[in-house]
């Protein structure tokens, strides 16, 4: 059995709406080395096995208030917790 997926406009619109919340955040792919632990034994694939990726902190311009206002553009009932 082979799965076939359709491109559906409402899914693309939802993905774009979420991405629009983060407009202004630079696209970076920072990497770091994960802790190998105390029982580490080196093998040939270590450089790949212990490489990780992380999210960059939001730029100062992307405050909670700014992101909430952008979220409200497609869901007006959203509010920040007290």
C-alpha atoms as a PDB file:
ATOM      1  CA  UNK A   1       0.000   0.000   0.000  1.00  0.00           C
ATOM      2  CA  UNK A   2       1.322   3.390  -0.943  1.00  0.00           C
ATOM      3  CA  UNK A   3       0.128   6.562   0.776  1.00  0.00           C
ATOM      4  CA  UNK A   4      -0.683   9.535  -1.397  1.00  0.00           C
ATOM      5  CA  UNK A   5      -1.082  12.986   0.078  1.00  0.00           C
ATOM      6  CA  UNK A   6      -2.795  15.949  -1.495  1.00  0.00           C
ATOM      7  CA  UNK A   7      -1.594  19.510  -1.220  1.00  0.00           C
ATOM      8  CA  UNK A   8      -4.467  21.243   0.549  1.00  0.00           C
ATOM      9  CA  UNK A   9      -4.733  25.019   0.646  1.00  0.00           C
ATOM     10  CA  UNK A  10      -5.981  25.178   4.241  1.00  0.00           C
ATOM     11  CA  UNK A  11      -2.879  23.291   5.404  1.00  0.00           C
ATOM     12  CA  UNK A  12      -0.546  25.586   3.500  1.00  0.00           C
ATOM     13  CA  UNK A  13      -2.404  28.634   4.857  1.00  0.00           C
ATOM     14  CA  UNK A  14      -2.071  27.353   8.434  1.00  0.00           C
ATOM     15  CA  UNK A  15       1.656  26.728   8.033  1.00  0.00           C
ATOM     16  CA  UNK A  16       2.182  30.193   6.545  1.00  0.00           C
ATOM     17  CA  UNK A  17       0.206  31.817   9.382  1.00  0.00           C
ATOM     18  CA  UNK A  18       2.500  30.216  11.954  1.00  0.00           C
ATOM     19  CA  UNK A  19       5.618  31.222  10.050  1.00  0.00           C
ATOM     20  CA  UNK A  20       4.303  34.805   9.820  1.00  0.00           C
ATOM     21  CA  UNK A  21       4.352  35.009  13.631  1.00  0.00           C
ATOM     22  CA  UNK A  22       8.147  34.744  13.516  1.00  0.00           C
ATOM     23  CA  UNK A  23       8.848  37.265  10.739  1.00  0.00           C
ATOM     24  CA  UNK A  24      12.109  39.013  11.591  1.00  0.00           C
ATOM     25  CA  UNK A  25      13.729  36.001  13.247  1.00  0.00           C
ATOM     26  CA  UNK A  26      16.844  35.106  11.237  1.00  0.00           C
ATOM     27  CA  UNK A  27      17.108  31.582   9.880  1.00  0.00           C
ATOM     28  CA  UNK A  28      20.156  29.973  11.438  1.00  0.00           C
ATOM     29  CA  UNK A  29      21.218  26.369  11.842  1.00  0.00           C
ATOM     30  CA  UNK A  30      23.502  26.461  14.881  1.00  0.00           C
ATOM     31  CA  UNK A  31      25.054  23.177  15.894  1.00  0.00           C
ATOM     32  CA  UNK A  32      26.759  21.942  19.008  1.00  0.00           C
ATOM     33  CA  UNK A  33      28.463  18.798  20.267  1.00  0.00           C
ATOM     34  CA  UNK A  34      26.399  16.728  22.694  1.00  0.00           C
ATOM     35  CA  UNK A  35      27.982  15.429  25.896  1.00  0.00           C
ATOM     36  CA  UNK A  36      29.429  11.985  25.220  1.00  0.00           C
ATOM     37  CA  UNK A  37      29.197  10.889  28.849  1.00  0.00           C
ATOM     38  CA  UNK A  38      31.719   9.178  31.075  1.00  0.00           C
ATOM     39  CA  UNK A  39      31.526   5.753  29.394  1.00  0.00           C
ATOM     40  CA  UNK A  40      32.507   7.137  25.978  1.00  0.00           C
ATOM     41  CA  UNK A  41      34.251   4.844  23.500  1.00  0.00           C
ATOM     42  CA  UNK A  42      35.135   6.456  20.169  1.00  0.00           C
ATOM     43  CA  UNK A  43      33.949   4.917  16.900  1.00  0.00           C
ATOM     44  CA  UNK A  44      33.950   6.033  13.252  1.00  0.00           C
ATOM     45  CA  UNK A  45      30.557   7.794  13.284  1.00  0.00           C
ATOM     46  CA  UNK A  46      31.052   9.850  16.462  1.00  0.00           C
ATOM     47  CA  UNK A  47      31.143  13.224  14.728  1.00  0.00           C
ATOM     48  CA  UNK A  48      27.646  12.612  13.321  1.00  0.00           C
ATOM     49  CA  UNK A  49      26.199  10.754  16.301  1.00  0.00           C
ATOM     50  CA  UNK A  50      26.985  13.504  18.790  1.00  0.00           C
ATOM     51  CA  UNK A  51      26.092  16.537  16.663  1.00  0.00           C
ATOM     52  CA  UNK A  52      22.934  18.378  17.671  1.00  0.00           C
ATOM     53  CA  UNK A  53      20.903  21.387  16.559  1.00  0.00           C
ATOM     54  CA  UNK A  54      19.207  23.998  18.695  1.00  0.00           C
ATOM     55  CA  UNK A  55      16.784  26.859  18.277  1.00  0.00           C
ATOM     56  CA  UNK A  56      18.186  30.350  18.481  1.00  0.00           C
ATOM     57  CA  UNK A  57      16.625  32.646  21.084  1.00  0.00           C
ATOM     58  CA  UNK A  58      14.046  35.014  19.624  1.00  0.00           C
ATOM     59  CA  UNK A  59      15.423  38.391  18.594  1.00  0.00           C
ATOM     60  CA  UNK A  60      14.525  41.203  21.034  1.00  0.00           C
ATOM     61  CA  UNK A  61      11.983  42.653  18.595  1.00  0.00           C
ATOM     62  CA  UNK A  62       9.888  39.468  18.852  1.00  0.00           C
ATOM     63  CA  UNK A  63       8.403  40.063  22.274  1.00  0.00           C
ATOM     64  CA  UNK A  64       5.502  38.013  23.622  1.00  0.00           C
ATOM     65  CA  UNK A  65       3.227  40.969  22.893  1.00  0.00           C
ATOM     66  CA  UNK A  66       4.323  41.209  19.245  1.00  0.00           C
ATOM     67  CA  UNK A  67       3.926  37.478  18.679  1.00  0.00           C
ATOM     68  CA  UNK A  68       0.510  37.476  20.386  1.00  0.00           C
ATOM     69  CA  UNK A  69      -0.696  40.309  18.159  1.00  0.00           C
ATOM     70  CA  UNK A  70       0.437  38.374  15.109  1.00  0.00           C
ATOM     71  CA  UNK A  71      -1.295  35.239  16.394  1.00  0.00           C
ATOM     72  CA  UNK A  72      -4.506  37.203  16.934  1.00  0.00           C
ATOM     73  CA  UNK A  73      -4.560  38.027  13.233  1.00  0.00           C
ATOM     74  CA  UNK A  74      -5.731  34.485  12.528  1.00  0.00           C
ATOM     75  CA  UNK A  75      -7.203  33.557  15.949  1.00  0.00           C
ATOM     76  CA  UNK A  76      -8.717  36.617  17.656  1.00  0.00           C
ATOM     77  CA  UNK A  77      -9.583  34.854  20.957  1.00  0.00           C
ATOM     78  CA  UNK A  78      -5.980  34.179  22.002  1.00  0.00           C
ATOM     79  CA  UNK A  79      -4.715  35.900  25.167  1.00  0.00           C
ATOM     80  CA  UNK A  80      -1.565  35.794  27.249  1.00  0.00           C
ATOM     81  CA  UNK A  81      -1.757  34.117  30.665  1.00  0.00           C
ATOM     82  CA  UNK A  82      -1.503  36.553  33.626  1.00  0.00           C
END
